[in-house]
């Protein structure tokens, strides 16, 4: 089970999570779901 840390929308994601790429996290979520793993969207408000 994965708790995917996604605390903001795409608009602010790469700023708030400095060093990140939105396309990468989006791709990896699709990859895990395709592999039938459980993924939870975790928002640290």
ModelCIF file with pLDDT and N, C-alpha, C, O atoms, coordinates in Angstrom:
data_MODEL
#
_entry.id   MODEL 
#
_entity.id                         1 
_entity.type                       polymer 
_entity.pdbx_number_of_molecules   1 
#
_entity_poly.entity_id                      1 
_entity_poly.type                           'polypeptide(L)' 
_entity_poly.nstd_linkage                   no 
_entity_poly.nstd_monomer                   no 
_entity_poly.pdbx_seq_one_letter_code       
;(UNK)(UNK)(UNK)(UNK)(UNK)(UNK)(UNK)(UNK)(UNK)(UNK)(UNK)(UNK)(UNK)(UNK)(UNK)(UNK)
(UNK)(UNK)(UNK)(UNK)(UNK)(UNK)(UNK)(UNK)(UNK)(UNK)(UNK)(UNK)(UNK)(UNK)(UNK)(UNK)
(UNK)(UNK)(UNK)(UNK)(UNK)(UNK)(UNK)(UNK)(UNK)(UNK)(UNK)(UNK)(UNK)
;
_entity_poly.pdbx_seq_one_letter_code_can   XXXXXXXXXXXXXXXXXXXXXXXXXXXXXXXXXXXXXXXXXXXXX 
_entity_poly.pdbx_strand_id                 A 
#
loop_
_entity_poly_seq.entity_id 
_entity_poly_seq.num 
_entity_poly_seq.mon_id 
_entity_poly_seq.hetero 
1 1  UNK n 
1 2  UNK n 
1 3  UNK n 
1 4  UNK n 
1 5  UNK n 
1 6  UNK n 
1 7  UNK n 
1 8  UNK n 
1 9  UNK n 
1 10 UNK n 
1 11 UNK n 
1 12 UNK n 
1 13 UNK n 
1 14 UNK n 
1 15 UNK n 
1 16 UNK n 
1 17 UNK n 
1 18 UNK n 
1 19 UNK n 
1 20 UNK n 
1 21 UNK n 
1 22 UNK n 
1 23 UNK n 
1 24 UNK n 
1 25 UNK n 
1 26 UNK n 
1 27 UNK n 
1 28 UNK n 
1 29 UNK n 
1 30 UNK n 
1 31 UNK n 
1 32 UNK n 
1 33 UNK n 
1 34 UNK n 
1 35 UNK n 
1 36 UNK n 
1 37 UNK n 
1 38 UNK n 
1 39 UNK n 
1 40 UNK n 
1 41 UNK n 
1 42 UNK n 
1 43 UNK n 
1 44 UNK n 
1 45 UNK n 
#
_struct_asym.id          A 
_struct_asym.entity_id   1 
#
loop_
_ma_qa_metric.id 
_ma_qa_metric.mode 
_ma_qa_metric.name 
_ma_qa_metric.software_group_id 
_ma_qa_metric.type 
1 global pLDDT . pLDDT 
2 local  pLDDT . pLDDT 
#
_ma_qa_metric_global.metric_id      1 
_ma_qa_metric_global.metric_value   96.71 
_ma_qa_metric_global.model_id       1 
_ma_qa_metric_global.ordinal_id     1 
#
loop_
_ma_qa_metric_local.label_asym_id 
_ma_qa_metric_local.label_comp_id 
_ma_qa_metric_local.label_seq_id 
_ma_qa_metric_local.metric_id 
_ma_qa_metric_local.metric_value 
_ma_qa_metric_local.model_id 
_ma_qa_metric_local.ordinal_id 
A UNK 1  2 98.00 1 1  
A UNK 2  2 98.00 1 2  
A UNK 3  2 97.00 1 3  
A UNK 4  2 97.00 1 4  
A UNK 5  2 96.00 1 5  
A UNK 6  2 95.00 1 6  
A UNK 7  2 95.00 1 7  
A UNK 8  2 96.00 1 8  
A UNK 9  2 96.00 1 9  
A UNK 10 2 96.00 1 10 
A UNK 11 2 96.00 1 11 
A UNK 12 2 97.00 1 12 
A UNK 13 2 97.00 1 13 
A UNK 14 2 97.00 1 14 
A UNK 15 2 97.00 1 15 
A UNK 16 2 96.00 1 16 
A UNK 17 2 97.00 1 17 
A UNK 18 2 97.00 1 18 
A UNK 19 2 96.00 1 19 
A UNK 20 2 97.00 1 20 
A UNK 21 2 97.00 1 21 
A UNK 22 2 98.00 1 22 
A UNK 23 2 97.00 1 23 
A UNK 24 2 97.00 1 24 
A UNK 25 2 97.00 1 25 
A UNK 26 2 98.00 1 26 
A UNK 27 2 98.00 1 27 
A UNK 28 2 98.00 1 28 
A UNK 29 2 98.00 1 29 
A UNK 30 2 98.00 1 30 
A UNK 31 2 97.00 1 31 
A UNK 32 2 98.00 1 32 
A UNK 33 2 97.00 1 33 
A UNK 34 2 96.00 1 34 
A UNK 35 2 95.00 1 35 
A UNK 36 2 95.00 1 36 
A UNK 37 2 97.00 1 37 
A UNK 38 2 97.00 1 38 
A UNK 39 2 98.00 1 39 
A UNK 40 2 97.00 1 40 
A UNK 41 2 97.00 1 41 
A UNK 42 2 96.00 1 42 
A UNK 43 2 96.00 1 43 
A UNK 44 2 94.00 1 44 
A UNK 45 2 95.00 1 45 
#
loop_
_atom_site.group_PDB 
_atom_site.id 
_atom_site.type_symbol 
_atom_site.label_atom_id 
_atom_site.label_alt_id 
_atom_site.label_comp_id 
_atom_site.label_asym_id 
_atom_site.label_entity_id 
_atom_site.label_seq_id 
_atom_site.pdbx_PDB_ins_code 
_atom_site.Cartn_x 
_atom_site.Cartn_y 
_atom_site.Cartn_z 
_atom_site.occupancy 
_atom_site.B_iso_or_equiv 
_atom_site.pdbx_formal_charge 
_atom_site.auth_seq_id 
_atom_site.auth_comp_id 
_atom_site.auth_asym_id 
_atom_site.auth_atom_id 
_atom_site.pdbx_PDB_model_num 
ATOM 1   N N  . UNK A 1 1  ? 0.850  -1.202 0.000   1.00 98.00 ? 1  UNK A N  1 
ATOM 2   C CA . UNK A 1 1  ? 0.000  0.000  0.000   1.00 98.00 ? 1  UNK A CA 1 
ATOM 3   C C  . UNK A 1 1  ? 0.884  1.250  0.000   1.00 98.00 ? 1  UNK A C  1 
ATOM 4   O O  . UNK A 1 1  ? 1.851  1.330  0.757   1.00 98.00 ? 1  UNK A O  1 
ATOM 5   N N  . UNK A 1 2  ? 0.551  2.215  -0.846  1.00 98.00 ? 2  UNK A N  1 
ATOM 6   C CA . UNK A 1 2  ? 1.324  3.443  -0.954  1.00 98.00 ? 2  UNK A CA 1 
ATOM 7   C C  . UNK A 1 2  ? 0.484  4.639  -0.513  1.00 98.00 ? 2  UNK A C  1 
ATOM 8   O O  . UNK A 1 2  ? -0.641 4.829  -0.974  1.00 98.00 ? 2  UNK A O  1 
ATOM 9   N N  . UNK A 1 3  ? 1.049  5.436  0.381   1.00 97.00 ? 3  UNK A N  1 
ATOM 10  C CA . UNK A 1 3  ? 0.469  6.725  0.728   1.00 97.00 ? 3  UNK A CA 1 
ATOM 11  C C  . UNK A 1 3  ? 1.243  7.765  -0.076  1.00 97.00 ? 3  UNK A C  1 
ATOM 12  O O  . UNK A 1 3  ? 2.338  8.174  0.310   1.00 97.00 ? 3  UNK A O  1 
ATOM 13  N N  . UNK A 1 4  ? 0.662  8.186  -1.193  1.00 97.00 ? 4  UNK A N  1 
ATOM 14  C CA . UNK A 1 4  ? 1.347  9.107  -2.109  1.00 97.00 ? 4  UNK A CA 1 
ATOM 15  C C  . UNK A 1 4  ? 1.204  10.528 -1.593  1.00 97.00 ? 4  UNK A C  1 
ATOM 16  O O  . UNK A 1 4  ? 0.094  11.048 -1.480  1.00 97.00 ? 4  UNK A O  1 
ATOM 17  N N  . UNK A 1 5  ? 2.328  11.153 -1.282  1.00 96.00 ? 5  UNK A N  1 
ATOM 18  C CA . UNK A 1 5  ? 2.314  12.502 -0.705  1.00 96.00 ? 5  UNK A CA 1 
ATOM 19  C C  . UNK A 1 5  ? 2.070  13.534 -1.805  1.00 96.00 ? 5  UNK A C  1 
ATOM 20  O O  . UNK A 1 5  ? 2.983  13.899 -2.546  1.00 96.00 ? 5  UNK A O  1 
ATOM 21  N N  . UNK A 1 6  ? 0.834  13.992 -1.896  1.00 95.00 ? 6  UNK A N  1 
ATOM 22  C CA . UNK A 1 6  ? 0.453  15.010 -2.888  1.00 95.00 ? 6  UNK A CA 1 
ATOM 23  C C  . UNK A 1 6  ? -0.332 16.075 -2.133  1.00 95.00 ? 6  UNK A C  1 
ATOM 24  O O  . UNK A 1 6  ? -1.531 15.919 -1.906  1.00 95.00 ? 6  UNK A O  1 
ATOM 25  N N  . UNK A 1 7  ? 0.329  17.140 -1.748  1.00 95.00 ? 7  UNK A N  1 
ATOM 26  C CA . UNK A 1 7  ? -0.270 18.103 -0.827  1.00 95.00 ? 7  UNK A CA 1 
ATOM 27  C C  . UNK A 1 7  ? -0.886 19.305 -1.515  1.00 95.00 ? 7  UNK A C  1 
ATOM 28  O O  . UNK A 1 7  ? -1.606 20.078 -0.883  1.00 95.00 ? 7  UNK A O  1 
ATOM 29  N N  . UNK A 1 8  ? -0.616 19.472 -2.795  1.00 96.00 ? 8  UNK A N  1 
ATOM 30  C CA . UNK A 1 8  ? -1.130 20.627 -3.523  1.00 96.00 ? 8  UNK A CA 1 
ATOM 31  C C  . UNK A 1 8  ? -1.577 20.191 -4.912  1.00 96.00 ? 8  UNK A C  1 
ATOM 32  O O  . UNK A 1 8  ? -1.257 19.094 -5.370  1.00 96.00 ? 8  UNK A O  1 
ATOM 33  N N  . UNK A 1 9  ? -2.316 21.064 -5.567  1.00 96.00 ? 9  UNK A N  1 
ATOM 34  C CA . UNK A 1 9  ? -2.685 20.807 -6.956  1.00 96.00 ? 9  UNK A CA 1 
ATOM 35  C C  . UNK A 1 9  ? -1.456 20.948 -7.852  1.00 96.00 ? 9  UNK A C  1 
ATOM 36  O O  . UNK A 1 9  ? -0.396 21.384 -7.403  1.00 96.00 ? 9  UNK A O  1 
ATOM 37  N N  . UNK A 1 10 ? -1.608 20.577 -9.114  1.00 96.00 ? 10 UNK A N  1 
ATOM 38  C CA . UNK A 1 10 ? -0.498 20.671 -10.067 1.00 96.00 ? 10 UNK A CA 1 
ATOM 39  C C  . UNK A 1 10 ? 0.079  22.083 -10.116 1.00 96.00 ? 10 UNK A C  1 
ATOM 40  O O  . UNK A 1 10 ? 1.280  22.261 -10.319 1.00 96.00 ? 10 UNK A O  1 
ATOM 41  N N  . UNK A 1 11 ? -0.763 23.068 -9.932  1.00 96.00 ? 11 UNK A N  1 
ATOM 42  C CA . UNK A 1 11 ? -0.345 24.469 -10.050 1.00 96.00 ? 11 UNK A CA 1 
ATOM 43  C C  . UNK A 1 11 ? 0.800  24.818 -9.095  1.00 96.00 ? 11 UNK A C  1 
ATOM 44  O O  . UNK A 1 11 ? 1.729  25.530 -9.475  1.00 96.00 ? 11 UNK A O  1 
ATOM 45  N N  . UNK A 1 12 ? 0.735  24.318 -7.853  1.00 97.00 ? 12 UNK A N  1 
ATOM 46  C CA . UNK A 1 12 ? 1.730  24.677 -6.835  1.00 97.00 ? 12 UNK A CA 1 
ATOM 47  C C  . UNK A 1 12 ? 2.670  23.529 -6.465  1.00 97.00 ? 12 UNK A C  1 
ATOM 48  O O  . UNK A 1 12 ? 3.580  23.699 -5.654  1.00 97.00 ? 12 UNK A O  1 
ATOM 49  N N  . UNK A 1 13 ? 2.444  22.372 -7.060  1.00 97.00 ? 13 UNK A N  1 
ATOM 50  C CA . UNK A 1 13 ? 3.153  21.164 -6.648  1.00 97.00 ? 13 UNK A CA 1 
ATOM 51  C C  . UNK A 1 13 ? 4.668  21.300 -6.765  1.00 97.00 ? 13 UNK A C  1 
ATOM 52  O O  . UNK A 1 13 ? 5.378  21.009 -5.802  1.00 97.00 ? 13 UNK A O  1 
ATOM 53  N N  . UNK A 1 14 ? 5.177  21.726 -7.896  1.00 97.00 ? 14 UNK A N  1 
ATOM 54  C CA . UNK A 1 14 ? 6.628  21.758 -8.123  1.00 97.00 ? 14 UNK A CA 1 
ATOM 55  C C  . UNK A 1 14 ? 7.315  22.847 -7.300  1.00 97.00 ? 14 UNK A C  1 
ATOM 56  O O  . UNK A 1 14 ? 8.518  22.774 -7.050  1.00 97.00 ? 14 UNK A O  1 
ATOM 57  N N  . UNK A 1 15 ? 6.550  23.859 -6.877  1.00 97.00 ? 15 UNK A N  1 
ATOM 58  C CA . UNK A 1 15 ? 7.119  24.850 -5.958  1.00 97.00 ? 15 UNK A CA 1 
ATOM 59  C C  . UNK A 1 15 ? 7.187  24.264 -4.559  1.00 97.00 ? 15 UNK A C  1 
ATOM 60  O O  . UNK A 1 15 ? 8.255  24.229 -3.949  1.00 97.00 ? 15 UNK A O  1 
ATOM 61  N N  . UNK A 1 16 ? 6.046  23.801 -4.046  1.00 96.00 ? 16 UNK A N  1 
ATOM 62  C CA . UNK A 1 16 ? 5.984  23.338 -2.662  1.00 96.00 ? 16 UNK A CA 1 
ATOM 63  C C  . UNK A 1 16 ? 6.884  22.126 -2.438  1.00 96.00 ? 16 UNK A C  1 
ATOM 64  O O  . UNK A 1 16 ? 7.550  22.034 -1.407  1.00 96.00 ? 16 UNK A O  1 
ATOM 65  N N  . UNK A 1 17 ? 6.911  21.196 -3.392  1.00 97.00 ? 17 UNK A N  1 
ATOM 66  C CA . UNK A 1 17 ? 7.795  20.027 -3.307  1.00 97.00 ? 17 UNK A CA 1 
ATOM 67  C C  . UNK A 1 17 ? 8.988  20.293 -4.226  1.00 97.00 ? 17 UNK A C  1 
ATOM 68  O O  . UNK A 1 17 ? 9.105  19.726 -5.312  1.00 97.00 ? 17 UNK A O  1 
ATOM 69  N N  . UNK A 1 18 ? 9.862  21.172 -3.754  1.00 97.00 ? 18 UNK A N  1 
ATOM 70  C CA . UNK A 1 18 ? 10.977 21.648 -4.565  1.00 97.00 ? 18 UNK A CA 1 
ATOM 71  C C  . UNK A 1 18 ? 11.874 20.489 -5.007  1.00 97.00 ? 18 UNK A C  1 
ATOM 72  O O  . UNK A 1 18 ? 12.300 19.658 -4.206  1.00 97.00 ? 18 UNK A O  1 
ATOM 73  N N  . UNK A 1 19 ? 12.143 20.470 -6.326  1.00 96.00 ? 19 UNK A N  1 
ATOM 74  C CA . UNK A 1 19 ? 12.941 19.390 -6.903  1.00 96.00 ? 19 UNK A CA 1 
ATOM 75  C C  . UNK A 1 19 ? 12.087 18.340 -7.589  1.00 96.00 ? 19 UNK A C  1 
ATOM 76  O O  . UNK A 1 19 ? 12.611 17.413 -8.205  1.00 96.00 ? 19 UNK A O  1 
ATOM 77  N N  . UNK A 1 20 ? 10.766 18.484 -7.483  1.00 97.00 ? 20 UNK A N  1 
ATOM 78  C CA . UNK A 1 20 ? 9.851  17.471 -8.028  1.00 97.00 ? 20 UNK A CA 1 
ATOM 79  C C  . UNK A 1 20 ? 9.442  17.794 -9.460  1.00 97.00 ? 20 UNK A C  1 
ATOM 80  O O  . UNK A 1 20 ? 9.666  18.895 -9.962  1.00 97.00 ? 20 UNK A O  1 
ATOM 81  N N  . UNK A 1 21 ? 8.833  16.792 -10.102 1.00 97.00 ? 21 UNK A N  1 
ATOM 82  C CA . UNK A 1 21 ? 8.222  16.945 -11.420 1.00 97.00 ? 21 UNK A CA 1 
ATOM 83  C C  . UNK A 1 21 ? 6.815  16.346 -11.360 1.00 97.00 ? 21 UNK A C  1 
ATOM 84  O O  . UNK A 1 21 ? 6.649  15.171 -11.031 1.00 97.00 ? 21 UNK A O  1 
ATOM 85  N N  . UNK A 1 22 ? 5.822  17.142 -11.673 1.00 98.00 ? 22 UNK A N  1 
ATOM 86  C CA . UNK A 1 22 ? 4.440  16.673 -11.629 1.00 98.00 ? 22 UNK A CA 1 
ATOM 87  C C  . UNK A 1 22 ? 4.233  15.473 -12.549 1.00 98.00 ? 22 UNK A C  1 
ATOM 88  O O  . UNK A 1 22 ? 3.563  14.512 -12.173 1.00 98.00 ? 22 UNK A O  1 
ATOM 89  N N  . UNK A 1 23 ? 4.805  15.525 -13.752 1.00 97.00 ? 23 UNK A N  1 
ATOM 90  C CA . UNK A 1 23 ? 4.619  14.431 -14.709 1.00 97.00 ? 23 UNK A CA 1 
ATOM 91  C C  . UNK A 1 23 ? 5.144  13.109 -14.152 1.00 97.00 ? 23 UNK A C  1 
ATOM 92  O O  . UNK A 1 23 ? 4.607  12.045 -14.464 1.00 97.00 ? 23 UNK A O  1 
ATOM 93  N N  . UNK A 1 24 ? 6.192  13.174 -13.329 1.00 97.00 ? 24 UNK A N  1 
ATOM 94  C CA . UNK A 1 24 ? 6.777  11.961 -12.764 1.00 97.00 ? 24 UNK A CA 1 
ATOM 95  C C  . UNK A 1 24 ? 5.828  11.319 -11.755 1.00 97.00 ? 24 UNK A C  1 
ATOM 96  O O  . UNK A 1 24 ? 5.594  10.112 -11.818 1.00 97.00 ? 24 UNK A O  1 
ATOM 97  N N  . UNK A 1 25 ? 5.281  12.097 -10.833 1.00 97.00 ? 25 UNK A N  1 
ATOM 98  C CA . UNK A 1 25 ? 4.377  11.521 -9.838  1.00 97.00 ? 25 UNK A CA 1 
ATOM 99  C C  . UNK A 1 25 ? 3.107  11.015 -10.508 1.00 97.00 ? 25 UNK A C  1 
ATOM 100 O O  . UNK A 1 25 ? 2.566  9.983  -10.111 1.00 97.00 ? 25 UNK A O  1 
ATOM 101 N N  . UNK A 1 26 ? 2.629  11.728 -11.515 1.00 98.00 ? 26 UNK A N  1 
ATOM 102 C CA . UNK A 1 26 ? 1.432  11.302 -12.251 1.00 98.00 ? 26 UNK A CA 1 
ATOM 103 C C  . UNK A 1 26 ? 1.678  9.965  -12.950 1.00 98.00 ? 26 UNK A C  1 
ATOM 104 O O  . UNK A 1 26 ? 0.827  9.076  -12.918 1.00 98.00 ? 26 UNK A O  1 
ATOM 105 N N  . UNK A 1 27 ? 2.839  9.827  -13.576 1.00 98.00 ? 27 UNK A N  1 
ATOM 106 C CA . UNK A 1 27 ? 3.206  8.571  -14.245 1.00 98.00 ? 27 UNK A CA 1 
ATOM 107 C C  . UNK A 1 27 ? 3.301  7.427  -13.236 1.00 98.00 ? 27 UNK A C  1 
ATOM 108 O O  . UNK A 1 27 ? 2.805  6.329  -13.490 1.00 98.00 ? 27 UNK A O  1 
ATOM 109 N N  . UNK A 1 28 ? 3.934  7.686  -12.100 1.00 98.00 ? 28 UNK A N  1 
ATOM 110 C CA . UNK A 1 28 ? 4.148  6.625  -11.110 1.00 98.00 ? 28 UNK A CA 1 
ATOM 111 C C  . UNK A 1 28 ? 2.841  6.156  -10.469 1.00 98.00 ? 28 UNK A C  1 
ATOM 112 O O  . UNK A 1 28 ? 2.692  4.971  -10.170 1.00 98.00 ? 28 UNK A O  1 
ATOM 113 N N  . UNK A 1 29 ? 1.907  7.058  -10.259 1.00 98.00 ? 29 UNK A N  1 
ATOM 114 C CA . UNK A 1 29 ? 0.597  6.649  -9.738  1.00 98.00 ? 29 UNK A CA 1 
ATOM 115 C C  . UNK A 1 29 ? -0.071 5.702  -10.729 1.00 98.00 ? 29 UNK A C  1 
ATOM 116 O O  . UNK A 1 29 ? -0.595 4.658  -10.339 1.00 98.00 ? 29 UNK A O  1 
ATOM 117 N N  . UNK A 1 30 ? -0.052 6.065  -12.009 1.00 98.00 ? 30 UNK A N  1 
ATOM 118 C CA . UNK A 1 30 ? -0.642 5.193  -13.036 1.00 98.00 ? 30 UNK A CA 1 
ATOM 119 C C  . UNK A 1 30 ? 0.066  3.844  -13.077 1.00 98.00 ? 30 UNK A C  1 
ATOM 120 O O  . UNK A 1 30 ? -0.575 2.805  -13.237 1.00 98.00 ? 30 UNK A O  1 
ATOM 121 N N  . UNK A 1 31 ? 1.384  3.861  -12.934 1.00 97.00 ? 31 UNK A N  1 
ATOM 122 C CA . UNK A 1 31 ? 2.161  2.621  -12.954 1.00 97.00 ? 31 UNK A CA 1 
ATOM 123 C C  . UNK A 1 31 ? 1.746  1.699  -11.808 1.00 97.00 ? 31 UNK A C  1 
ATOM 124 O O  . UNK A 1 31 ? 1.521  0.508  -12.022 1.00 97.00 ? 31 UNK A O  1 
ATOM 125 N N  . UNK A 1 32 ? 1.644  2.237  -10.603 1.00 98.00 ? 32 UNK A N  1 
ATOM 126 C CA . UNK A 1 32 ? 1.282  1.423  -9.432  1.00 98.00 ? 32 UNK A CA 1 
ATOM 127 C C  . UNK A 1 32 ? -0.139 0.881  -9.548  1.00 98.00 ? 32 UNK A C  1 
ATOM 128 O O  . UNK A 1 32 ? -0.400 -0.272 -9.203  1.00 98.00 ? 32 UNK A O  1 
ATOM 129 N N  . UNK A 1 33 ? -1.048 1.711  -10.032 1.00 97.00 ? 33 UNK A N  1 
ATOM 130 C CA . UNK A 1 33 ? -2.436 1.251  -10.193 1.00 97.00 ? 33 UNK A CA 1 
ATOM 131 C C  . UNK A 1 33 ? -2.520 0.138  -11.238 1.00 97.00 ? 33 UNK A C  1 
ATOM 132 O O  . UNK A 1 33 ? -3.280 -0.817 -11.075 1.00 97.00 ? 33 UNK A O  1 
ATOM 133 N N  . UNK A 1 34 ? -1.749 0.264  -12.292 1.00 96.00 ? 34 UNK A N  1 
ATOM 134 C CA . UNK A 1 34 ? -1.716 -0.768 -13.327 1.00 96.00 ? 34 UNK A CA 1 
ATOM 135 C C  . UNK A 1 34 ? -1.186 -2.081 -12.776 1.00 96.00 ? 34 UNK A C  1 
ATOM 136 O O  . UNK A 1 34 ? -1.612 -3.156 -13.199 1.00 96.00 ? 34 UNK A O  1 
ATOM 137 N N  . UNK A 1 35 ? -0.247 -1.993 -11.823 1.00 95.00 ? 35 UNK A N  1 
ATOM 138 C CA . UNK A 1 35 ? 0.323  -3.181 -11.186 1.00 95.00 ? 35 UNK A CA 1 
ATOM 139 C C  . UNK A 1 35 ? -0.569 -3.718 -10.061 1.00 95.00 ? 35 UNK A C  1 
ATOM 140 O O  . UNK A 1 35 ? -0.212 -4.683 -9.384  1.00 95.00 ? 35 UNK A O  1 
ATOM 141 N N  . UNK A 1 36 ? -1.738 -3.080 -9.868  1.00 95.00 ? 36 UNK A N  1 
ATOM 142 C CA . UNK A 1 36 ? -2.743 -3.522 -8.876  1.00 95.00 ? 36 UNK A CA 1 
ATOM 143 C C  . UNK A 1 36 ? -2.329 -3.279 -7.428  1.00 95.00 ? 36 UNK A C  1 
ATOM 144 O O  . UNK A 1 36 ? -2.784 -3.977 -6.523  1.00 95.00 ? 36 UNK A O  1 
ATOM 145 N N  . UNK A 1 37 ? -1.467 -2.289 -7.212  1.00 97.00 ? 37 UNK A N  1 
ATOM 146 C CA . UNK A 1 37 ? -1.147 -1.902 -5.841  1.00 97.00 ? 37 UNK A CA 1 
ATOM 147 C C  . UNK A 1 37 ? -2.163 -0.873 -5.363  1.00 97.00 ? 37 UNK A C  1 
ATOM 148 O O  . UNK A 1 37 ? -2.762 -0.160 -6.169  1.00 97.00 ? 37 UNK A O  1 
ATOM 149 N N  . UNK A 1 38 ? -2.349 -0.801 -4.062  1.00 97.00 ? 38 UNK A N  1 
ATOM 150 C CA . UNK A 1 38 ? -3.263 0.189  -3.494  1.00 97.00 ? 38 UNK A CA 1 
ATOM 151 C C  . UNK A 1 38 ? -2.519 1.516  -3.323  1.00 97.00 ? 38 UNK A C  1 
ATOM 152 O O  . UNK A 1 38 ? -1.404 1.547  -2.802  1.00 97.00 ? 38 UNK A O  1 
ATOM 153 N N  . UNK A 1 39 ? -3.143 2.607  -3.765  1.00 98.00 ? 39 UNK A N  1 
ATOM 154 C CA . UNK A 1 39 ? -2.546 3.932  -3.649  1.00 98.00 ? 39 UNK A CA 1 
ATOM 155 C C  . UNK A 1 39 ? -3.552 4.870  -2.983  1.00 98.00 ? 39 UNK A C  1 
ATOM 156 O O  . UNK A 1 39 ? -4.708 4.949  -3.399  1.00 98.00 ? 39 UNK A O  1 
ATOM 157 N N  . UNK A 1 40 ? -3.110 5.572  -1.957  1.00 97.00 ? 40 UNK A N  1 
ATOM 158 C CA . UNK A 1 40 ? -3.937 6.545  -1.247  1.00 97.00 ? 40 UNK A CA 1 
ATOM 159 C C  . UNK A 1 40 ? -3.360 7.932  -1.480  1.00 97.00 ? 40 UNK A C  1 
ATOM 160 O O  . UNK A 1 40 ? -2.152 8.131  -1.348  1.00 97.00 ? 40 UNK A O  1 
ATOM 161 N N  . UNK A 1 41 ? -4.202 8.883  -1.822  1.00 97.00 ? 41 UNK A N  1 
ATOM 162 C CA . UNK A 1 41 ? -3.759 10.263 -1.983  1.00 97.00 ? 41 UNK A CA 1 
ATOM 163 C C  . UNK A 1 41 ? -3.658 10.930 -0.618  1.00 97.00 ? 41 UNK A C  1 
ATOM 164 O O  . UNK A 1 41 ? -4.676 11.206 0.016   1.00 97.00 ? 41 UNK A O  1 
ATOM 165 N N  . UNK A 1 42 ? -2.443 11.190 -0.166  1.00 96.00 ? 42 UNK A N  1 
ATOM 166 C CA . UNK A 1 42 ? -2.220 11.722 1.182   1.00 96.00 ? 42 UNK A CA 1 
ATOM 167 C C  . UNK A 1 42 ? -1.924 13.212 1.116   1.00 96.00 ? 42 UNK A C  1 
ATOM 168 O O  . UNK A 1 42 ? -0.946 13.639 0.503   1.00 96.00 ? 42 UNK A O  1 
ATOM 169 N N  . UNK A 1 43 ? -2.780 13.991 1.753   1.00 96.00 ? 43 UNK A N  1 
ATOM 170 C CA . UNK A 1 43 ? -2.633 15.443 1.770   1.00 96.00 ? 43 UNK A CA 1 
ATOM 171 C C  . UNK A 1 43 ? -2.175 15.882 3.155   1.00 96.00 ? 43 UNK A C  1 
ATOM 172 O O  . UNK A 1 43 ? -2.920 15.758 4.127   1.00 96.00 ? 43 UNK A O  1 
ATOM 173 N N  . UNK A 1 44 ? -0.951 16.395 3.248   1.00 94.00 ? 44 UNK A N  1 
ATOM 174 C CA . UNK A 1 44 ? -0.528 17.042 4.487   1.00 94.00 ? 44 UNK A CA 1 
ATOM 175 C C  . UNK A 1 44 ? -0.950 18.498 4.361   1.00 94.00 ? 44 UNK A C  1 
ATOM 176 O O  . UNK A 1 44 ? -0.265 19.307 3.736   1.00 94.00 ? 44 UNK A O  1 
ATOM 177 N N  . UNK A 1 45 ? -2.084 18.814 4.961   1.00 95.00 ? 45 UNK A N  1 
ATOM 178 C CA . UNK A 1 45 ? -2.752 20.099 4.739   1.00 95.00 ? 45 UNK A CA 1 
ATOM 179 C C  . UNK A 1 45 ? -1.878 21.248 5.245   1.00 95.00 ? 45 UNK A C  1 
ATOM 180 O O  . UNK A 1 45 ? -2.270 22.411 5.146   1.00 95.00 ? 45 UNK A O  1 
#
